[in-house]
PDB file of all heavy atoms in Angstrom:
ATOM      1  N   VAL A   1       2.699   7.101  73.424  1.00  0.00           N
ATOM      2  CA  VAL A   1       3.240   5.833  73.555  1.00  0.00           C
ATOM      3  C   VAL A   1       2.615   5.210  74.924  1.00  0.00           C
ATOM      4  O   VAL A   1       2.599   5.960  75.871  1.00  0.00           O
ATOM      5  CB  VAL A   1       4.817   5.909  73.731  1.00  0.00           C
ATOM      6  CG1 VAL A   1       5.448   4.525  74.026  1.00  0.00           C
ATOM      7  CG2 VAL A   1       5.358   6.549  72.591  1.00  0.00           C
ATOM      8  N   ASP A   2       2.270   3.926  74.837  1.00  0.00           N
ATOM      9  CA  ASP A   2       1.611   3.357  76.056  1.00  0.00           C
ATOM     10  C   ASP A   2       2.692   3.069  77.063  1.00  0.00           C
ATOM     11  O   ASP A   2       3.755   2.502  76.882  1.00  0.00           O
ATOM     12  CB  ASP A   2       0.935   1.981  75.565  1.00  0.00           C
ATOM     13  CG  ASP A   2      -0.150   1.558  76.580  1.00  0.00           C
ATOM     14  OD1 ASP A   2       0.279   1.518  77.757  1.00  0.00           O
ATOM     15  OD2 ASP A   2      -1.261   1.370  76.241  1.00  0.00           O
ATOM     16  N   ASP A   3       2.275   3.360  78.287  1.00  0.00           N
ATOM     17  CA  ASP A   3       3.304   3.191  79.508  1.00  0.00           C
ATOM     18  C   ASP A   3       3.460   1.668  79.732  1.00  0.00           C
ATOM     19  O   ASP A   3       4.466   1.345  80.392  1.00  0.00           O
ATOM     20  CB  ASP A   3       2.665   3.845  80.804  1.00  0.00           C
ATOM     21  CG  ASP A   3       2.811   5.395  80.699  1.00  0.00           C
ATOM     22  OD1 ASP A   3       3.529   5.862  79.958  1.00  0.00           O
ATOM     23  OD2 ASP A   3       1.946   5.938  81.387  1.00  0.00           O
ATOM     24  N   ALA A   4       2.601   0.848  79.250  1.00  0.00           N
ATOM     25  CA  ALA A   4       2.697  -0.518  79.440  1.00  0.00           C
ATOM     26  C   ALA A   4       3.682  -1.326  78.481  1.00  0.00           C
ATOM     27  O   ALA A   4       3.737  -2.462  78.578  1.00  0.00           O
ATOM     28  CB  ALA A   4       1.256  -1.199  79.419  1.00  0.00           C
ATOM     29  N   CYS A   5       4.235  -0.512  77.663  1.00  0.00           N
ATOM     30  CA  CYS A   5       5.109  -1.181  76.553  1.00  0.00           C
ATOM     31  C   CYS A   5       6.457  -1.273  77.129  1.00  0.00           C
ATOM     32  O   CYS A   5       6.956  -0.530  77.984  1.00  0.00           O
ATOM     33  CB  CYS A   5       5.144  -0.203  75.273  1.00  0.00           C
ATOM     34  SG  CYS A   5       3.675  -0.297  74.356  1.00  0.00           S
ATOM     35  N   LEU A   6       7.203  -2.298  76.567  1.00  0.00           N
ATOM     36  CA  LEU A   6       8.607  -2.468  76.841  1.00  0.00           C
ATOM     37  C   LEU A   6       9.490  -1.737  75.840  1.00  0.00           C
ATOM     38  O   LEU A   6       8.942  -1.191  74.907  1.00  0.00           O
ATOM     39  CB  LEU A   6       8.821  -3.952  76.898  1.00  0.00           C
ATOM     40  CG  LEU A   6       8.076  -4.856  78.013  1.00  0.00           C
ATOM     41  CD1 LEU A   6       8.326  -6.221  77.843  1.00  0.00           C
ATOM     42  CD2 LEU A   6       8.396  -4.382  79.358  1.00  0.00           C
ATOM     43  N   SER A   7      10.723  -1.939  75.944  1.00  0.00           N
ATOM     44  CA  SER A   7      11.617  -1.145  75.220  1.00  0.00           C
ATOM     45  C   SER A   7      11.987  -1.618  73.825  1.00  0.00           C
ATOM     46  O   SER A   7      12.338  -1.050  72.843  1.00  0.00           O
ATOM     47  CB  SER A   7      12.965  -0.847  75.926  1.00  0.00           C
ATOM     48  OG  SER A   7      12.795  -0.080  77.114  1.00  0.00           O
ATOM     49  N   HIS A   8      11.805  -2.918  73.613  1.00  0.00           N
ATOM     50  CA  HIS A   8      12.186  -3.728  72.394  1.00  0.00           C
ATOM     51  C   HIS A   8      11.009  -3.639  71.360  1.00  0.00           C
ATOM     52  O   HIS A   8      11.247  -4.057  70.164  1.00  0.00           O
ATOM     53  CB  HIS A   8      12.503  -5.114  72.719  1.00  0.00           C
ATOM     54  CG  HIS A   8      11.356  -6.094  72.945  1.00  0.00           C
ATOM     55  ND1 HIS A   8      10.598  -5.908  74.189  1.00  0.00           N
ATOM     56  CD2 HIS A   8      10.764  -7.090  72.180  1.00  0.00           C
ATOM     57  CE1 HIS A   8       9.677  -6.938  74.131  1.00  0.00           C
ATOM     58  NE2 HIS A   8       9.751  -7.528  73.000  1.00  0.00           N
ATOM     59  N   LEU A   9       9.675  -3.375  71.804  1.00  0.00           N
ATOM     60  CA  LEU A   9       8.627  -3.371  70.904  1.00  0.00           C
ATOM     61  C   LEU A   9       7.470  -2.444  71.502  1.00  0.00           C
ATOM     62  O   LEU A   9       7.016  -2.682  72.518  1.00  0.00           O
ATOM     63  CB  LEU A   9       8.065  -4.794  70.848  1.00  0.00           C
ATOM     64  CG  LEU A   9       6.835  -5.159  69.864  1.00  0.00           C
ATOM     65  CD1 LEU A   9       7.292  -4.763  68.433  1.00  0.00           C
ATOM     66  CD2 LEU A   9       6.316  -6.383  70.029  1.00  0.00           C
ATOM     67  N   PHE A  10       7.224  -1.384  70.681  1.00  0.00           N
ATOM     68  CA  PHE A  10       6.278  -0.436  71.166  1.00  0.00           C
ATOM     69  C   PHE A  10       5.564   0.203  70.049  1.00  0.00           C
ATOM     70  O   PHE A  10       6.080   0.277  68.923  1.00  0.00           O
ATOM     71  CB  PHE A  10       6.911   0.609  72.106  1.00  0.00           C
ATOM     72  CG  PHE A  10       8.049   1.345  71.496  1.00  0.00           C
ATOM     73  CD1 PHE A  10       7.861   2.568  70.853  1.00  0.00           C
ATOM     74  CD2 PHE A  10       9.335   0.901  71.594  1.00  0.00           C
ATOM     75  CE1 PHE A  10       8.844   3.334  70.234  1.00  0.00           C
ATOM     76  CE2 PHE A  10      10.389   1.562  70.977  1.00  0.00           C
ATOM     77  CZ  PHE A  10      10.157   2.808  70.357  1.00  0.00           C
ATOM     78  N   GLY A  11       4.393   0.717  70.339  1.00  0.00           N
ATOM     79  CA  GLY A  11       3.563   1.341  69.314  1.00  0.00           C
ATOM     80  C   GLY A  11       3.459   2.824  69.528  1.00  0.00           C
ATOM     81  O   GLY A  11       3.328   3.242  70.617  1.00  0.00           O
ATOM     82  N   LEU A  12       3.765   3.692  68.436  1.00  0.00           N
ATOM     83  CA  LEU A  12       3.546   5.084  68.560  1.00  0.00           C
ATOM     84  C   LEU A  12       2.115   5.352  67.883  1.00  0.00           C
ATOM     85  O   LEU A  12       1.963   5.133  66.600  1.00  0.00           O
ATOM     86  CB  LEU A  12       4.528   5.645  67.702  1.00  0.00           C
ATOM     87  CG  LEU A  12       6.077   5.400  68.173  1.00  0.00           C
ATOM     88  CD1 LEU A  12       7.051   6.116  67.103  1.00  0.00           C
ATOM     89  CD2 LEU A  12       6.413   5.848  69.515  1.00  0.00           C
ATOM     90  N   ALA A  13       1.182   5.946  68.663  1.00  0.00           N
ATOM     91  CA  ALA A  13      -0.070   6.348  68.132  1.00  0.00           C
ATOM     92  C   ALA A  13       0.148   7.678  67.289  1.00  0.00           C
ATOM     93  O   ALA A  13       0.756   8.596  67.833  1.00  0.00           O
ATOM     94  CB  ALA A  13      -0.898   6.570  69.286  1.00  0.00           C
ATOM     95  N   ILE A  14      -0.226   7.650  66.065  1.00  0.00           N
ATOM     96  CA  ILE A  14      -0.073   8.679  65.160  1.00  0.00           C
ATOM     97  C   ILE A  14      -1.115   9.844  65.423  1.00  0.00           C
ATOM     98  O   ILE A  14      -2.206   9.569  65.498  1.00  0.00           O
ATOM     99  CB  ILE A  14      -0.296   8.231  63.677  1.00  0.00           C
ATOM    100  CG1 ILE A  14       0.681   7.007  63.300  1.00  0.00           C
ATOM    101  CG2 ILE A  14      -0.001   9.365  62.655  1.00  0.00           C
ATOM    102  CD1 ILE A  14       0.554   6.324  62.109  1.00  0.00           C
ATOM    103  N   PRO A  15      -0.551  11.115  65.478  1.00  0.00           N
ATOM    104  CA  PRO A  15      -1.581  12.165  65.548  1.00  0.00           C
ATOM    105  C   PRO A  15      -2.659  12.080  64.558  1.00  0.00           C
ATOM    106  O   PRO A  15      -2.377  11.768  63.459  1.00  0.00           O
ATOM    107  CB  PRO A  15      -0.718  13.463  65.592  1.00  0.00           C
ATOM    108  CG  PRO A  15       0.687  13.023  66.036  1.00  0.00           C
ATOM    109  CD  PRO A  15       0.843  11.545  65.490  1.00  0.00           C
ATOM    110  N   ASP A  16      -4.013  12.547  65.066  1.00  0.00           N
ATOM    111  CA  ASP A  16      -5.080  12.383  64.175  1.00  0.00           C
ATOM    112  C   ASP A  16      -4.896  13.180  62.816  1.00  0.00           C
ATOM    113  O   ASP A  16      -5.456  12.753  61.871  1.00  0.00           O
ATOM    114  CB  ASP A  16      -6.382  12.767  64.778  1.00  0.00           C
ATOM    115  CG  ASP A  16      -6.599  11.816  65.998  1.00  0.00           C
ATOM    116  OD1 ASP A  16      -6.261  10.690  65.997  1.00  0.00           O
ATOM    117  OD2 ASP A  16      -7.436  12.278  66.990  1.00  0.00           O
ATOM    118  N   HIS A  17      -4.324  14.340  62.874  1.00  0.00           N
ATOM    119  CA  HIS A  17      -4.160  15.200  61.716  1.00  0.00           C
ATOM    120  C   HIS A  17      -3.174  14.756  60.602  1.00  0.00           C
ATOM    121  O   HIS A  17      -3.140  15.273  59.531  1.00  0.00           O
ATOM    122  CB  HIS A  17      -3.744  16.573  62.021  1.00  0.00           C
ATOM    123  CG  HIS A  17      -2.390  16.759  62.694  1.00  0.00           C
ATOM    124  ND1 HIS A  17      -2.058  16.414  63.880  1.00  0.00           N
ATOM    125  CD2 HIS A  17      -1.192  17.258  62.051  1.00  0.00           C
ATOM    126  CE1 HIS A  17      -0.673  16.806  64.050  1.00  0.00           C
ATOM    127  NE2 HIS A  17      -0.278  17.108  62.817  1.00  0.00           N
ATOM    128  N   LEU A  18      -2.426  13.626  61.013  1.00  0.00           N
ATOM    129  CA  LEU A  18      -1.397  13.153  60.100  1.00  0.00           C
ATOM    130  C   LEU A  18      -1.968  12.132  59.082  1.00  0.00           C
ATOM    131  O   LEU A  18      -2.875  11.249  59.497  1.00  0.00           O
ATOM    132  CB  LEU A  18      -0.188  12.624  60.717  1.00  0.00           C
ATOM    133  CG  LEU A  18       0.733  13.520  61.479  1.00  0.00           C
ATOM    134  CD1 LEU A  18       1.977  12.778  61.993  1.00  0.00           C
ATOM    135  CD2 LEU A  18       1.219  14.609  60.643  1.00  0.00           C
ATOM    136  N   ASP A  19      -1.608  12.179  57.917  1.00  0.00           N
ATOM    137  CA  ASP A  19      -1.939  10.969  56.953  1.00  0.00           C
ATOM    138  C   ASP A  19      -1.019   9.869  57.184  1.00  0.00           C
ATOM    139  O   ASP A  19       0.220   9.883  56.862  1.00  0.00           O
ATOM    140  CB  ASP A  19      -1.850  11.552  55.450  1.00  0.00           C
ATOM    141  CG  ASP A  19      -2.321  10.541  54.385  1.00  0.00           C
ATOM    142  OD1 ASP A  19      -1.848   9.367  54.555  1.00  0.00           O
ATOM    143  OD2 ASP A  19      -2.908  10.920  53.484  1.00  0.00           O
ATOM    144  N   ARG A  20      -1.493   8.684  57.669  1.00  0.00           N
ATOM    145  CA  ARG A  20      -0.616   7.681  58.064  1.00  0.00           C
ATOM    146  C   ARG A  20       0.183   7.009  56.810  1.00  0.00           C
ATOM    147  O   ARG A  20       1.357   6.604  56.982  1.00  0.00           O
ATOM    148  CB  ARG A  20      -1.467   6.582  58.717  1.00  0.00           C
ATOM    149  CG  ARG A  20      -2.570   6.013  57.976  1.00  0.00           C
ATOM    150  CD  ARG A  20      -3.616   5.145  58.938  1.00  0.00           C
ATOM    151  NE  ARG A  20      -2.944   4.062  59.650  1.00  0.00           N
ATOM    152  CZ  ARG A  20      -2.767   2.881  59.078  1.00  0.00           C
ATOM    153  NH1 ARG A  20      -3.314   2.742  57.898  1.00  0.00           N
ATOM    154  NH2 ARG A  20      -2.194   1.937  59.617  1.00  0.00           N
ATOM    155  N   MET A  21      -0.521   6.925  55.675  1.00  0.00           N
ATOM    156  CA  MET A  21       0.152   6.300  54.577  1.00  0.00           C
ATOM    157  C   MET A  21       1.256   7.351  54.041  1.00  0.00           C
ATOM    158  O   MET A  21       2.302   6.782  53.556  1.00  0.00           O
ATOM    159  CB  MET A  21      -0.821   5.980  53.474  1.00  0.00           C
ATOM    160  CG  MET A  21      -1.838   4.967  53.803  1.00  0.00           C
ATOM    161  SD  MET A  21      -1.151   3.575  54.430  1.00  0.00           S
ATOM    162  CE  MET A  21      -0.039   3.006  53.160  1.00  0.00           C
ATOM    163  N   GLN A  22       1.016   8.540  54.073  1.00  0.00           N
ATOM    164  CA  GLN A  22       2.020   9.548  53.760  1.00  0.00           C
ATOM    165  C   GLN A  22       3.208   9.400  54.665  1.00  0.00           C
ATOM    166  O   GLN A  22       4.319   9.532  54.141  1.00  0.00           O
ATOM    167  CB  GLN A  22       1.484  10.929  53.661  1.00  0.00           C
ATOM    168  CG  GLN A  22       2.512  11.992  53.256  1.00  0.00           C
ATOM    169  CD  GLN A  22       1.890  13.443  53.199  1.00  0.00           C
ATOM    170  OE1 GLN A  22       0.602  13.599  53.296  1.00  0.00           O
ATOM    171  NE2 GLN A  22       2.664  14.451  53.013  1.00  0.00           N
ATOM    172  N   LEU A  23       2.997   9.253  55.869  1.00  0.00           N
ATOM    173  CA  LEU A  23       3.949   9.194  56.945  1.00  0.00           C
ATOM    174  C   LEU A  23       4.796   7.844  56.706  1.00  0.00           C
ATOM    175  O   LEU A  23       6.028   7.816  56.769  1.00  0.00           O
ATOM    176  CB  LEU A  23       3.503   9.161  58.360  1.00  0.00           C
ATOM    177  CG  LEU A  23       4.440   9.053  59.433  1.00  0.00           C
ATOM    178  CD1 LEU A  23       5.543  10.124  59.392  1.00  0.00           C
ATOM    179  CD2 LEU A  23       3.721   8.996  60.784  1.00  0.00           C
ATOM    180  N   SER A  24       3.981   6.800  56.321  1.00  0.00           N
ATOM    181  CA  SER A  24       4.708   5.617  56.048  1.00  0.00           C
ATOM    182  C   SER A  24       5.711   5.738  54.854  1.00  0.00           C
ATOM    183  O   SER A  24       6.800   5.080  54.762  1.00  0.00           O
ATOM    184  CB  SER A  24       3.696   4.522  55.666  1.00  0.00           C
ATOM    185  OG  SER A  24       4.211   3.278  55.318  1.00  0.00           O
ATOM    186  N   ASP A  25       5.210   6.523  53.821  1.00  0.00           N
ATOM    187  CA  ASP A  25       6.092   6.632  52.602  1.00  0.00           C
ATOM    188  C   ASP A  25       7.272   7.495  53.034  1.00  0.00           C
ATOM    189  O   ASP A  25       8.443   7.164  52.561  1.00  0.00           O
ATOM    190  CB  ASP A  25       5.320   7.443  51.610  1.00  0.00           C
ATOM    191  CG  ASP A  25       4.297   6.532  50.859  1.00  0.00           C
ATOM    192  OD1 ASP A  25       4.297   5.274  50.939  1.00  0.00           O
ATOM    193  OD2 ASP A  25       3.163   7.075  50.276  1.00  0.00           O
ATOM    194  N   GLN A  26       7.201   8.451  53.895  1.00  0.00           N
ATOM    195  CA  GLN A  26       8.234   9.317  54.254  1.00  0.00           C
ATOM    196  C   GLN A  26       9.429   8.439  54.972  1.00  0.00           C
ATOM    197  O   GLN A  26      10.517   8.633  54.846  1.00  0.00           O
ATOM    198  CB  GLN A  26       7.848  10.427  55.189  1.00  0.00           C
ATOM    199  CG  GLN A  26       6.969  11.470  54.424  1.00  0.00           C
ATOM    200  CD  GLN A  26       6.403  12.520  55.330  1.00  0.00           C
ATOM    201  OE1 GLN A  26       6.154  12.195  56.476  1.00  0.00           O
ATOM    202  NE2 GLN A  26       6.152  13.637  54.852  1.00  0.00           N
ATOM    203  N   LEU A  27       8.786   7.582  55.864  1.00  0.00           N
ATOM    204  CA  LEU A  27       9.797   6.577  56.620  1.00  0.00           C
ATOM    205  C   LEU A  27      10.489   5.687  55.603  1.00  0.00           C
ATOM    206  O   LEU A  27      11.775   5.471  55.787  1.00  0.00           O
ATOM    207  CB  LEU A  27       9.050   5.820  57.540  1.00  0.00           C
ATOM    208  CG  LEU A  27       8.477   6.616  58.801  1.00  0.00           C
ATOM    209  CD1 LEU A  27       7.331   5.761  59.550  1.00  0.00           C
ATOM    210  CD2 LEU A  27       9.560   7.017  59.632  1.00  0.00           C
ATOM    211  N   LYS A  28       9.875   5.195  54.559  1.00  0.00           N
ATOM    212  CA  LYS A  28      10.464   4.373  53.676  1.00  0.00           C
ATOM    213  C   LYS A  28      11.587   5.089  52.804  1.00  0.00           C
ATOM    214  O   LYS A  28      12.574   4.494  52.531  1.00  0.00           O
ATOM    215  CB  LYS A  28       9.402   3.801  52.631  1.00  0.00           C
ATOM    216  CG  LYS A  28       8.536   2.690  53.338  1.00  0.00           C
ATOM    217  CD  LYS A  28       7.570   2.050  52.346  1.00  0.00           C
ATOM    218  CE  LYS A  28       6.588   1.230  52.985  1.00  0.00           C
ATOM    219  NZ  LYS A  28       5.403   0.737  52.112  1.00  0.00           N
ATOM    220  N   GLU A  29      11.140   6.311  52.395  1.00  0.00           N
ATOM    221  CA  GLU A  29      12.153   7.135  51.706  1.00  0.00           C
ATOM    222  C   GLU A  29      13.469   7.322  52.486  1.00  0.00           C
ATOM    223  O   GLU A  29      14.521   7.537  51.946  1.00  0.00           O
ATOM    224  CB  GLU A  29      11.429   8.534  51.444  1.00  0.00           C
ATOM    225  CG  GLU A  29      10.492   8.425  50.334  1.00  0.00           C
ATOM    226  CD  GLU A  29       9.704   9.535  49.975  1.00  0.00           C
ATOM    227  OE1 GLU A  29      10.112  10.657  50.542  1.00  0.00           O
ATOM    228  OE2 GLU A  29       8.647   9.644  49.260  1.00  0.00           O
ATOM    229  N   ALA A  30      13.275   7.496  53.910  1.00  0.00           N
ATOM    230  CA  ALA A  30      14.358   7.644  54.739  1.00  0.00           C
ATOM    231  C   ALA A  30      15.118   6.312  55.031  1.00  0.00           C
ATOM    232  O   ALA A  30      16.071   6.343  55.926  1.00  0.00           O
ATOM    233  CB  ALA A  30      14.028   8.372  56.021  1.00  0.00           C
ATOM    234  N   ASN A  31      14.665   5.242  54.527  1.00  0.00           N
ATOM    235  CA  ASN A  31      15.247   3.917  54.684  1.00  0.00           C
ATOM    236  C   ASN A  31      15.169   3.544  56.138  1.00  0.00           C
ATOM    237  O   ASN A  31      15.993   2.740  56.705  1.00  0.00           O
ATOM    238  CB  ASN A  31      16.752   3.977  54.389  1.00  0.00           C
ATOM    239  CG  ASN A  31      17.356   2.516  54.005  1.00  0.00           C
ATOM    240  OD1 ASN A  31      16.484   1.650  53.676  1.00  0.00           O
ATOM    241  ND2 ASN A  31      18.577   2.257  54.311  1.00  0.00           N
ATOM    242  N   ILE A  32      14.004   3.884  56.744  1.00  0.00           N
ATOM    243  CA  ILE A  32      13.624   3.430  57.992  1.00  0.00           C
ATOM    244  C   ILE A  32      12.502   2.260  58.062  1.00  0.00           C
ATOM    245  O   ILE A  32      11.464   2.523  57.529  1.00  0.00           O
ATOM    246  CB  ILE A  32      13.016   4.623  58.917  1.00  0.00           C
ATOM    247  CG1 ILE A  32      14.251   5.648  59.065  1.00  0.00           C
ATOM    248  CG2 ILE A  32      12.532   4.242  60.243  1.00  0.00           C
ATOM    249  CD1 ILE A  32      13.842   7.029  59.543  1.00  0.00           C
ATOM    250  N   SER A  33      12.913   1.227  58.701  1.00  0.00           N
ATOM    251  CA  SER A  33      12.037  -0.016  58.503  1.00  0.00           C
ATOM    252  C   SER A  33      11.221  -0.178  59.928  1.00  0.00           C
ATOM    253  O   SER A  33      11.743  -0.470  60.920  1.00  0.00           O
ATOM    254  CB  SER A  33      12.764  -1.247  58.287  1.00  0.00           C
ATOM    255  OG  SER A  33      12.042  -2.441  58.215  1.00  0.00           O
ATOM    256  N   VAL A  34       9.953   0.326  59.811  1.00  0.00           N
ATOM    257  CA  VAL A  34       9.056   0.000  60.915  1.00  0.00           C
ATOM    258  C   VAL A  34       7.751  -0.462  60.125  1.00  0.00           C
ATOM    259  O   VAL A  34       7.607  -0.655  59.135  1.00  0.00           O
ATOM    260  CB  VAL A  34       8.671   1.412  61.693  1.00  0.00           C
ATOM    261  CG1 VAL A  34       9.997   1.841  62.343  1.00  0.00           C
ATOM    262  CG2 VAL A  34       8.278   2.520  60.712  1.00  0.00           C
ATOM    263  N   SER A  35       6.773  -0.786  61.110  1.00  0.00           N
ATOM    264  CA  SER A  35       5.621  -1.414  60.583  1.00  0.00           C
ATOM    265  C   SER A  35       4.272  -0.618  60.997  1.00  0.00           C
ATOM    266  O   SER A  35       4.208  -0.089  62.093  1.00  0.00           O
ATOM    267  CB  SER A  35       5.336  -2.916  61.175  1.00  0.00           C
ATOM    268  OG  SER A  35       6.503  -3.774  60.860  1.00  0.00           O
ATOM    269  N   LEU A  36       3.371  -0.477  60.126  1.00  0.00           N
ATOM    270  CA  LEU A  36       2.031   0.149  60.401  1.00  0.00           C
ATOM    271  C   LEU A  36       1.159  -0.929  60.898  1.00  0.00           C
ATOM    272  O   LEU A  36       0.900  -2.002  60.261  1.00  0.00           O
ATOM    273  CB  LEU A  36       1.452   0.789  59.239  1.00  0.00           C
ATOM    274  CG  LEU A  36       2.108   2.116  58.816  1.00  0.00           C
ATOM    275  CD1 LEU A  36       1.325   2.671  57.641  1.00  0.00           C
ATOM    276  CD2 LEU A  36       1.957   3.139  59.890  1.00  0.00           C
ATOM    277  N   ARG A  37       0.638  -0.823  62.139  1.00  0.00           N
ATOM    278  CA  ARG A  37      -0.323  -1.770  62.614  1.00  0.00           C
ATOM    279  C   ARG A  37      -1.455  -0.901  63.195  1.00  0.00           C
ATOM    280  O   ARG A  37      -1.412  -0.325  64.427  1.00  0.00           O
ATOM    281  CB  ARG A  37       0.488  -2.511  63.841  1.00  0.00           C
ATOM    282  CG  ARG A  37       1.518  -3.411  63.317  1.00  0.00           C
ATOM    283  CD  ARG A  37       1.024  -4.668  62.614  1.00  0.00           C
ATOM    284  NE  ARG A  37       2.112  -5.475  62.181  1.00  0.00           N
ATOM    285  CZ  ARG A  37       2.617  -5.484  60.929  1.00  0.00           C
ATOM    286  NH1 ARG A  37       2.124  -4.611  60.107  1.00  0.00           N
ATOM    287  NH2 ARG A  37       3.561  -6.443  60.622  1.00  0.00           N
ATOM    288  N   GLY A  38      -2.583  -0.957  62.519  1.00  0.00           N
ATOM    289  CA  GLY A  38      -3.675  -0.301  62.960  1.00  0.00           C
ATOM    290  C   GLY A  38      -3.446   1.177  62.953  1.00  0.00           C
ATOM    291  O   GLY A  38      -2.944   1.645  61.834  1.00  0.00           O
ATOM    292  N   GLY A  39      -3.702   1.916  63.968  1.00  0.00           N
ATOM    293  CA  GLY A  39      -3.344   3.364  63.845  1.00  0.00           C
ATOM    294  C   GLY A  39      -2.027   3.701  64.557  1.00  0.00           C
ATOM    295  O   GLY A  39      -1.737   4.907  64.816  1.00  0.00           O
ATOM    296  N   SER A  40      -1.155   2.668  64.733  1.00  0.00           N
ATOM    297  CA  SER A  40      -0.002   2.856  65.369  1.00  0.00           C
ATOM    298  C   SER A  40       1.216   2.548  64.364  1.00  0.00           C
ATOM    299  O   SER A  40       1.045   1.798  63.480  1.00  0.00           O
ATOM    300  CB  SER A  40       0.223   2.128  66.587  1.00  0.00           C
ATOM    301  OG  SER A  40      -0.682   2.399  67.521  1.00  0.00           O
TER     302      SER A  40
END
């Protein structure tokens, strides 16, 4: 997480070994609404 981010909007850089689309699907299944933007 970038130190320059504020609390209302921040990007989480995904670890390289994770499949970002698979993680996105897992979040949707848990009814968690976030956005994939680039690698974050």
